Every structure is written in C-alpha cells, then in structure tokens.
Amino acid sequence: MDKITEFSNQFSFLNNDHICLVHYDGLLYASVTHAFQAARATSESLREQISNIHDIESMYEIVENLEDPPEWNKNRVKIMEMLIRDKFRRNHILRERLAETASALLQNSYEGEPNTSNLFWGTVNERGDNTIGKILMKIRSDIQKECELENWILSTFELITEIPEMPRIVLHVYKNDEKLRKIYLEDKRFYTIGTALDCDLKFRQDSISAYHSIILFDRSLGLLIIDLNSTTGTYINSNRIKKSIPAPLETNDTLFFGEKTKKYKVEIYIEHVKREYEKRIRAIDKELQTLETLQNPGKNIESVKESLGMNKVRKVRVENLPKKICHEKDLRELFGSLGEFEYVDVSTRRFEATLKFKIQKAADAAVKWNGMNVQNRRLKISYYTQAARSRSR
C-alpha cells in the first residue's frame, strides 16, 4: 500500500473525529477534534461543556462563533501534534494499527471546495500542506523507532532541563513495614518505571508492565506520576490513579505498583532550587543596578565600581613579573607596604601571581600601581575576578 487518502472505514482511526479519549489541560475529550476546539476556548466553563459532549455536530454548534485566541496560528500545529500524540499514547491498539500502515503516505484528504483551513490541515484534489498527515507519519516513525513514549512526554509537558532547577526526589522503599533502601531521583528530566531493560527503575515482579509508570517534574504542574496504561495499575496512598493522566505527588505520599508487594514513600527536596532562583534574582538585580549606574552620567567612577562589585574584591592579579622577583618573598617585600596579606600565590611558569589582601584598601592601592616599571618590565595589575581566571585557563 503506497498511499492512504481516505481516513474512513478500516482507516477511520486516523481521522481526528474518531471517538477515543484525549486528555488536554486536565480534562478528557471524546476525540482529537473535541480537544482541539476546546484548546481554542479561553473559558473554563466552555471547555468543561465540550468535554461532556460526544457528538461532533453538537460540539460544533457551541463553538461556531468562537474566536481564535491570541497567537493561535503560531501555536495550533504544536497543540494539534500534542493531541494526536495523546490519542495514540492512550490507546495501544490504535498505536499498533498506526504502525501497521508501514511506509504508506498518509494523506488527510477533504472533499468539497478548498479553503485556507482544509488546504493547511490536509489536501483537496491533491493540493495542500497535509499537516495532519505529516503529524501522523511523524508519530508512526517514532513508534517504529521506539521513541514515541519519549516524544509524547516532550510534546506534552514543560520539562525542566537544567539540573540546578530539578527537585531531588527520594523514594524510601518498604516491604512489610521494613525499610529496605532508598532510591534517589535527581539528575534526569523524567524516570521510567517497569520491567523493560531500558527503564530507569527496573522491577522484576510479574504484575509490573514493561513500561508501567513515569515520574517527571513539570515546570507549571510540579512533580507528577503517570500510569502508562498498565494492567495492574499505579497507586497513590492506595488509590489507583487514572491511566495516562498525570497525578500530582507530594512529600509523604506513598506509591504502590501492581500487586503492592512494596511501598515507596516520597520525599521531595527543593531548598536548593529556591537558592538557585534567589541567586539568579540577585544577579539580575545587580545587572539592573549596574545598567542604571552606567546610564547616569552624574555617577563617579567609585559608584560604578561599587555597582560592579569591584570594591568587594580583595584579590589582585599581577602579570608580566621579572624572573628575578617571581618569588613569594620578593612579592611580599614589593607590595607589603600596602597592607597585610591573606596569601600570595606565585606561578613561576607564567610569571604571574595572585595576591589576596586582608583589607579592600590594600587591593585598591595595588591596582593603582598598574604599569609600574620593575626591572625594565611594566607590571600588569588588575582585580582578580572569575572571568579573568577563566581567560587565563
């Protein structure tokens, strides 16, 4: 089969109108079409109304006069792909049937007069962008390459990618109230749970599915666990969660998988995340203060140095040292009149040294000696900063 152009009869499962549950923004809808129209609605009550309607025509009646939200054209393809991916991720039979179309061209064809909508999402008389067909073929390729699960996660959730922003999760493992061990989750965007060899948390129980559950941290929704359509279920505090619908996790929640032979008590650490955000806020405030200072011509040089943090640096870097005085004793004699040292670190290989003074004024005075002629060599003296150290490396 080279081409499938009619999403009907045996291929009706490819049609967005095909009745099957699709999850979007906390609600379940009767089809991709229902969910897509709900995504256009900014009213929560209207979304709930659409979620309770199964008939396509009745749904279209209530969205007939619905206007597109801001930047809809920019976001609609991403939303459409997310919904179609959710449709096939939620139903393994549909997923298998999509894979069975092999390499056939999937062409979402419309009848009737062409317009901007059907020419964008499909084709009319072999003309059009066939956007839905391309999405279906993309998902099919992911299924065949066994990366469909990961790409469903990436398209559906706003994952945190930077390790300093990730919470640290500890699962305390118990069996018959006896504590067995701890499992640390702290450096990945998401963790798969099951019996498959590539799962992050591998179980051996017969009641656990190959890909049973997944734990992830969404930037907006927080820590979540999702049951991946397992046969025996995933439980939070002994309550079975719904399949393929994210459920929030909190500290002291207890997880069970399958036949509940073991329990996993959840502990979440986020203090380091708070410190990271506070650090970034301070850095931004400092940059804004510096910008304001530099844009104000009335500020003197000391104010600028203060805003840049230069007046807090008690370390200086001395470069271009003569070979004969490239020793700690000679440098202490040369700069000792400025103030006491905390330490003097000399690199004879690079003919440079780092001096750390006990008081700020001594460092300021040393920097003023920049360009001083010593044994026919002009010393280069500057404040020692992280940036300067990186450049030297």
Protein backbone atom coordinates (compact mmCIF):
# COMPACT_ATOMS: atom_id res chain seq x y z
CA MET A 1 0.00 0.00 0.00
CA ASP A 2 1.63 3.22 -1.20
CA LYS A 3 -0.95 5.78 -0.09
CA ILE A 4 -3.90 6.11 2.29
CA THR A 5 -6.08 9.05 1.31
CA GLU A 6 -9.39 8.23 2.95
CA PHE A 7 -9.43 8.23 6.74
CA SER A 8 -12.64 6.17 6.87
CA ASN A 9 -13.81 2.55 7.21
CA GLN A 10 -10.78 0.45 8.17
CA PHE A 11 -8.66 3.62 8.43
CA SER A 12 -11.23 5.70 10.33
CA PHE A 13 -8.91 5.52 13.39
CA LEU A 14 -6.63 8.02 11.58
CA ASN A 15 -9.40 10.61 11.50
CA ASN A 16 -9.40 13.28 14.19
CA ASP A 17 -13.16 12.72 14.58
CA HIS A 18 -12.56 9.10 15.62
CA ILE A 19 -14.14 8.62 19.05
CA CYS A 20 -11.40 7.88 21.59
CA LEU A 21 -10.43 9.64 24.79
CA VAL A 22 -7.95 12.50 24.51
CA HIS A 23 -6.56 14.42 27.50
CA TYR A 24 -5.90 18.14 27.40
CA ASP A 25 -5.27 20.60 30.24
CA GLY A 26 -6.87 18.49 32.95
CA LEU A 27 -9.96 17.31 31.03
CA LEU A 28 -10.83 14.29 28.88
CA TYR A 29 -12.48 14.78 25.49
CA ALA A 30 -14.26 12.41 23.13
CA SER A 31 -11.85 12.93 20.22
CA VAL A 32 -8.93 14.98 18.95
CA THR A 33 -11.45 17.31 17.27
CA HIS A 34 -13.24 17.94 20.58
CA ALA A 35 -9.97 18.63 22.38
CA PHE A 36 -8.67 20.89 19.60
CA GLN A 37 -11.79 23.06 19.68
CA ALA A 38 -11.59 23.19 23.47
CA ALA A 39 -7.99 24.42 23.16
CA ARG A 40 -9.36 27.44 21.28
CA ALA A 41 -11.66 28.30 24.20
CA THR A 42 -10.38 30.63 26.89
CA SER A 43 -13.41 29.95 29.10
CA GLU A 44 -13.02 27.07 31.54
CA SER A 45 -16.78 26.54 31.63
CA LEU A 46 -16.89 26.19 27.83
CA ARG A 47 -14.08 23.64 27.94
CA GLU A 48 -15.97 21.63 30.53
CA GLN A 49 -19.09 21.82 28.36
CA ILE A 50 -17.17 20.48 25.36
CA SER A 51 -15.70 17.67 27.48
CA ASN A 52 -19.23 16.47 28.26
CA ILE A 53 -20.31 16.32 24.58
CA HIS A 54 -19.66 13.22 22.48
CA ASP A 55 -21.48 14.16 19.29
CA ILE A 56 -19.30 16.07 16.78
CA GLU A 57 -22.14 18.13 15.32
CA SER A 58 -23.43 19.21 18.74
CA MET A 59 -19.91 20.24 19.69
CA TYR A 60 -19.51 22.36 16.56
CA GLU A 61 -22.78 24.16 17.34
CA ILE A 62 -21.44 25.59 20.60
CA VAL A 63 -18.05 26.61 19.13
CA GLU A 64 -19.47 28.06 15.90
CA ASN A 65 -18.90 31.68 16.96
CA LEU A 66 -15.74 31.01 18.97
CA GLU A 67 -12.88 33.35 18.06
CA ASP A 68 -9.29 32.18 17.93
CA PRO A 69 -7.21 33.16 20.97
CA PRO A 70 -4.11 35.38 20.59
CA GLU A 71 -1.23 33.77 18.65
CA TRP A 72 -3.42 30.80 17.75
CA ASN A 73 -1.89 30.40 14.29
CA LYS A 74 1.54 30.26 15.92
CA ASN A 75 0.58 27.56 18.43
CA ARG A 76 -2.05 25.47 16.61
CA VAL A 77 0.33 22.94 14.99
CA LYS A 78 2.07 22.25 18.30
CA ILE A 79 -1.30 21.75 20.02
CA MET A 80 -2.56 19.51 17.21
CA GLU A 81 0.52 17.29 17.43
CA MET A 82 0.23 17.10 21.21
CA LEU A 83 -3.41 15.97 20.96
CA ILE A 84 -2.79 13.38 18.22
CA ARG A 85 0.16 12.02 20.18
CA ASP A 86 -2.04 11.75 23.26
CA LYS A 87 -4.66 9.83 21.26
CA PHE A 88 -2.20 7.11 20.24
CA ARG A 89 -0.28 7.06 23.53
CA ARG A 90 -3.55 6.44 25.41
CA ASN A 91 -4.62 3.52 23.20
CA HIS A 92 -2.08 0.79 22.40
CA ILE A 93 -4.39 -0.84 19.84
CA LEU A 94 -4.57 2.37 17.79
CA ARG A 95 -0.81 2.68 18.19
CA GLU A 96 -0.29 -0.77 16.73
CA ARG A 97 -2.67 -0.07 13.85
CA LEU A 98 -0.83 3.14 13.01
CA ALA A 99 2.49 1.24 12.95
CA GLU A 100 0.93 -1.36 10.63
CA THR A 101 0.44 1.29 7.92
CA ALA A 102 4.20 0.78 7.45
CA SER A 103 5.58 3.33 4.98
CA ALA A 104 2.33 4.33 3.23
CA LEU A 105 1.80 8.03 2.57
CA LEU A 106 -0.92 9.24 4.95
CA GLN A 107 -2.83 11.96 3.17
CA ASN A 108 -5.60 13.73 5.05
CA SER A 109 -7.94 14.40 2.11
CA TYR A 110 -11.03 16.64 2.15
CA GLU A 111 -13.93 16.78 -0.27
CA GLY A 112 -15.60 19.97 -1.49
CA GLU A 113 -14.25 23.40 -2.19
CA PRO A 114 -10.74 24.20 -0.97
CA ASN A 115 -10.27 26.82 1.75
CA THR A 116 -7.39 28.00 3.91
CA SER A 117 -8.26 25.52 6.67
CA ASN A 118 -8.56 22.27 4.72
CA LEU A 119 -5.61 23.17 2.49
CA PHE A 120 -3.49 23.65 5.62
CA TRP A 121 -4.54 20.60 7.63
CA GLY A 122 -4.95 18.28 4.63
CA THR A 123 -5.35 18.26 0.86
CA VAL A 124 -8.13 18.96 -1.64
CA ASN A 125 -7.72 17.40 -5.08
CA GLU A 126 -4.11 16.51 -4.22
CA ARG A 127 -3.31 20.12 -3.26
CA GLY A 128 -2.49 21.25 0.25
CA ASP A 129 0.01 21.10 3.14
CA ASN A 130 -1.31 17.83 4.62
CA THR A 131 -0.23 18.94 8.12
CA ILE A 132 -2.28 16.29 9.94
CA GLY A 133 -0.97 13.57 7.62
CA LYS A 134 2.60 14.67 8.32
CA ILE A 135 1.98 14.58 12.08
CA LEU A 136 0.59 11.04 11.81
CA MET A 137 3.60 9.88 9.81
CA LYS A 138 5.94 11.53 12.32
CA ILE A 139 4.29 9.66 15.20
CA ARG A 140 4.34 6.43 13.18
CA SER A 141 8.07 6.84 12.63
CA ASP A 142 8.57 7.37 16.38
CA ILE A 143 6.63 4.17 17.11
CA GLN A 144 8.76 2.22 14.67
CA LYS A 145 11.95 3.71 16.16
CA GLU A 146 10.68 3.05 19.71
CA CYS A 147 10.95 6.70 20.75
CA GLU A 148 7.23 7.52 20.71
CA LEU A 149 6.91 7.50 24.52
CA GLU A 150 9.76 9.97 25.00
CA ASN A 151 8.46 12.31 22.30
CA TRP A 152 4.96 12.17 23.78
CA ILE A 153 6.44 13.32 27.10
CA LEU A 154 8.47 16.09 25.46
CA SER A 155 5.48 17.41 23.50
CA THR A 156 3.00 17.21 26.39
CA PHE A 157 4.92 18.51 29.38
CA GLU A 158 7.09 21.52 30.10
CA LEU A 159 10.05 19.64 31.49
CA ILE A 160 12.87 21.22 33.44
CA THR A 161 16.16 20.62 31.65
CA GLU A 162 18.71 22.32 33.92
CA ILE A 163 19.92 20.17 36.80
CA PRO A 164 20.11 23.05 39.37
CA GLU A 165 16.37 23.63 38.85
CA MET A 166 15.37 19.97 39.29
CA PRO A 167 13.98 18.89 42.65
CA ARG A 168 15.67 15.97 44.36
CA ILE A 169 13.36 13.05 44.92
CA VAL A 170 14.00 10.22 47.36
CA LEU A 171 11.87 7.08 47.33
CA HIS A 172 12.05 5.18 50.63
CA VAL A 173 11.38 1.51 49.85
CA TYR A 174 9.49 -0.61 52.38
CA LYS A 175 8.34 -4.22 52.49
CA ASN A 176 6.09 -5.32 55.34
CA ASP A 177 6.97 -2.07 57.16
CA GLU A 178 10.69 -2.94 56.99
CA LYS A 179 12.77 -0.27 55.31
CA LEU A 180 14.89 -1.80 52.56
CA ARG A 181 16.68 1.05 50.79
CA LYS A 182 16.49 4.50 49.23
CA ILE A 183 16.18 5.38 45.55
CA TYR A 184 17.48 8.80 44.51
CA LEU A 185 16.00 10.64 41.52
CA GLU A 186 17.94 13.84 40.97
CA ASP A 187 19.53 14.31 37.56
CA LYS A 188 17.07 13.36 34.78
CA ARG A 189 14.09 15.09 33.20
CA PHE A 190 11.90 12.03 33.74
CA TYR A 191 12.15 8.48 35.07
CA THR A 192 10.51 5.41 33.54
CA ILE A 193 9.36 2.57 35.79
CA GLY A 194 8.81 -1.01 34.64
CA THR A 195 10.39 -4.33 33.73
CA ALA A 196 11.90 -3.24 30.39
CA LEU A 197 15.69 -3.23 30.30
CA ASP A 198 15.89 0.49 29.49
CA CYS A 199 13.66 1.61 32.37
CA ASP A 200 15.28 3.87 34.95
CA LEU A 201 13.63 1.98 37.82
CA LYS A 202 13.61 -1.72 36.92
CA PHE A 203 11.19 -4.11 38.65
CA ARG A 204 11.09 -7.89 38.43
CA GLN A 205 7.52 -8.57 39.60
CA ASP A 206 5.24 -10.31 37.12
CA SER A 207 2.49 -7.81 37.94
CA ILE A 208 4.54 -4.88 36.62
CA SER A 209 4.21 -3.89 32.95
CA ALA A 210 7.23 -3.36 30.68
CA TYR A 211 6.62 0.40 30.84
CA HIS A 212 4.41 0.76 33.88
CA SER A 213 4.68 4.37 35.03
CA ILE A 214 6.69 7.51 34.63
CA ILE A 215 7.75 10.20 37.12
CA LEU A 216 8.54 13.70 35.88
CA PHE A 217 8.65 17.30 37.03
CA ASP A 218 6.59 19.79 35.04
CA ARG A 219 7.58 23.45 35.37
CA SER A 220 3.96 24.50 35.96
CA LEU A 221 2.32 21.38 37.42
CA GLY A 222 5.10 20.21 39.73
CA LEU A 223 6.05 16.59 40.44
CA LEU A 224 3.81 14.14 38.57
CA ILE A 225 3.40 10.40 38.16
CA ILE A 226 1.64 8.92 35.13
CA ASP A 227 0.38 5.38 34.72
CA LEU A 228 1.28 4.22 31.20
CA ASN A 229 -1.86 2.14 30.66
CA SER A 230 -0.52 -0.61 32.92
CA THR A 231 -2.61 -3.73 33.52
CA THR A 232 -2.34 -3.80 37.30
CA GLY A 233 -2.26 -0.08 37.99
CA THR A 234 -0.32 2.61 39.83
CA TYR A 235 -1.49 3.75 43.26
CA ILE A 236 -1.01 6.87 45.37
CA ASN A 237 -1.85 6.26 49.03
CA SER A 238 -3.68 3.07 47.96
CA ASN A 239 -5.88 4.96 45.45
CA ARG A 240 -5.49 3.81 41.86
CA ILE A 241 -4.76 6.72 39.52
CA LYS A 242 -6.34 7.08 36.08
CA LYS A 243 -4.44 5.73 33.11
CA SER A 244 -2.31 8.19 31.12
CA ILE A 245 -3.48 11.16 33.20
CA PRO A 246 -0.83 12.95 35.30
CA ALA A 247 -1.36 12.79 39.05
CA PRO A 248 0.46 15.17 41.44
CA LEU A 249 2.92 13.83 44.00
CA GLU A 250 3.77 15.42 47.34
CA THR A 251 6.15 14.66 50.18
CA ASN A 252 4.97 11.72 52.33
CA ASP A 253 2.78 10.28 49.56
CA THR A 254 3.10 6.51 49.28
CA LEU A 255 3.36 4.80 45.90
CA PHE A 256 2.39 1.24 45.03
CA PHE A 257 2.83 -0.59 41.74
CA GLY A 258 0.98 -3.69 40.58
CA GLU A 259 0.28 -6.17 43.38
CA LYS A 260 1.59 -3.80 46.09
CA THR A 261 4.37 -6.06 47.33
CA LYS A 262 6.43 -2.99 48.21
CA LYS A 263 5.63 0.60 49.01
CA TYR A 264 7.61 3.70 48.09
CA LYS A 265 7.37 6.74 50.35
CA VAL A 266 8.05 10.01 48.51
CA GLU A 267 10.34 12.73 49.83
CA ILE A 268 10.90 15.93 47.82
CA TYR A 269 13.78 18.37 48.38
CA ILE A 270 13.51 21.80 46.76
CA GLU A 271 15.61 24.05 49.00
CA HIS A 272 18.49 24.04 46.50
CA VAL A 273 16.02 25.12 43.78
CA LYS A 274 14.92 28.07 45.89
CA ARG A 275 18.54 29.06 46.47
CA GLU A 276 19.22 28.84 42.72
CA TYR A 277 16.31 31.18 41.91
CA GLU A 278 17.33 33.60 44.66
CA LYS A 279 20.86 33.61 43.24
CA ARG A 280 19.53 34.43 39.77
CA ILE A 281 17.29 37.18 41.13
CA ARG A 282 20.27 38.77 42.90
CA ALA A 283 22.31 38.59 39.70
CA ILE A 284 19.53 40.25 37.70
CA ASP A 285 19.10 42.97 40.34
CA LYS A 286 22.84 43.62 40.19
CA GLU A 287 22.78 43.88 36.40
CA LEU A 288 19.87 46.32 36.53
CA GLN A 289 21.66 48.39 39.14
CA THR A 290 24.82 48.44 37.04
CA LEU A 291 22.89 49.48 33.92
CA GLU A 292 21.20 52.28 35.80
CA THR A 293 24.54 53.45 37.19
CA LEU A 294 26.30 53.42 33.81
CA GLN A 295 23.44 55.32 32.17
CA ASN A 296 23.64 58.06 34.79
CA PRO A 297 26.42 60.48 33.80
CA GLY A 298 26.35 62.01 37.28
CA LYS A 299 27.78 58.88 38.85
CA ASN A 300 31.50 58.87 39.66
CA ILE A 301 33.85 56.01 38.94
CA GLU A 302 33.70 54.70 42.51
CA SER A 303 29.92 54.30 42.26
CA VAL A 304 30.33 52.35 39.05
CA LYS A 305 32.95 50.13 40.66
CA GLU A 306 30.64 49.57 43.61
CA SER A 307 27.75 48.52 41.35
CA LEU A 308 30.04 46.12 39.51
CA GLY A 309 31.17 44.60 42.77
CA MET A 310 34.77 45.62 42.18
CA ASN A 311 35.07 47.21 45.58
CA LYS A 312 34.38 43.85 47.15
CA VAL A 313 37.39 42.19 45.51
CA ARG A 314 40.41 41.87 47.80
CA LYS A 315 42.41 39.76 45.37
CA VAL A 316 44.65 41.20 42.66
CA ARG A 317 46.38 39.62 39.75
CA VAL A 318 49.99 40.62 38.94
CA GLU A 319 51.28 39.69 35.48
CA ASN A 320 54.49 40.20 33.48
CA LEU A 321 56.71 39.68 36.52
CA PRO A 322 60.50 39.77 36.06
CA LYS A 323 62.05 36.36 36.56
CA LYS A 324 64.28 37.57 39.39
CA ILE A 325 61.37 38.64 41.64
CA CYS A 326 58.94 35.90 40.70
CA HIS A 327 59.01 34.52 44.24
CA GLU A 328 56.67 34.87 47.21
CA LYS A 329 59.29 36.54 49.43
CA ASP A 330 60.10 39.21 46.82
CA LEU A 331 56.41 39.96 46.20
CA ARG A 332 55.67 40.30 49.89
CA GLU A 333 58.50 42.83 50.11
CA LEU A 334 57.34 44.69 46.99
CA PHE A 335 53.65 45.01 47.99
CA GLY A 336 53.96 44.64 51.77
CA SER A 337 53.80 48.35 52.40
CA LEU A 338 50.19 48.43 51.12
CA GLY A 339 48.79 46.10 53.79
CA GLU A 340 48.76 42.58 55.22
CA PHE A 341 48.25 39.53 53.03
CA GLU A 342 45.98 36.55 53.45
CA TYR A 343 48.12 34.67 50.97
CA VAL A 344 50.46 35.07 47.97
CA ASP A 345 50.25 32.50 45.18
CA VAL A 346 53.04 32.59 42.55
CA SER A 347 53.23 30.89 39.16
CA THR A 348 56.87 30.94 38.04
CA ARG A 349 55.93 29.20 34.81
CA ARG A 350 53.61 32.02 33.71
CA PHE A 351 55.48 34.81 35.56
CA GLU A 352 52.36 35.92 37.39
CA ALA A 353 50.97 35.92 40.92
CA THR A 354 47.74 36.26 42.86
CA LEU A 355 47.77 38.44 45.98
CA LYS A 356 44.92 38.41 48.47
CA PHE A 357 44.96 41.26 50.97
CA LYS A 358 43.16 41.34 54.29
CA ILE A 359 41.55 44.72 53.59
CA GLN A 360 39.96 46.18 50.49
CA LYS A 361 42.00 49.40 50.53
CA ALA A 362 45.23 47.46 50.11
CA ALA A 363 43.89 45.74 46.99
CA ASP A 364 42.69 49.09 45.61
CA ALA A 365 46.14 50.59 46.20
CA ALA A 366 47.86 47.66 44.48
CA VAL A 367 45.67 48.06 41.37
CA LYS A 368 46.73 51.71 41.19
CA TRP A 369 50.31 50.50 40.71
CA ASN A 370 49.32 49.02 37.35
CA GLY A 371 52.04 49.83 34.80
CA MET A 372 54.76 50.23 37.42
CA ASN A 373 58.25 49.60 35.99
CA VAL A 374 60.14 46.86 37.82
CA GLN A 375 63.49 45.73 36.43
CA ASN A 376 62.59 47.08 32.96
CA ARG A 377 59.24 45.30 32.87
CA ARG A 378 55.90 47.01 33.29
CA LEU A 379 53.69 45.10 35.69
CA LYS A 380 50.10 44.46 34.74
CA ILE A 381 47.99 44.63 37.91
CA SER A 382 44.20 44.12 38.00
CA TYR A 383 41.41 42.93 40.23
CA TYR A 384 41.24 39.15 40.29
CA THR A 385 37.78 38.09 39.04
CA GLN A 386 36.29 34.77 37.95
CA ALA A 387 36.20 36.00 34.36
CA ALA A 388 39.91 36.84 34.42
CA ARG A 389 40.75 33.40 35.82
CA SER A 390 38.72 31.68 33.08
CA ARG A 391 40.52 33.64 30.38
CA SER A 392 43.92 32.63 31.76
CA ARG A 393 42.92 28.99 31.60
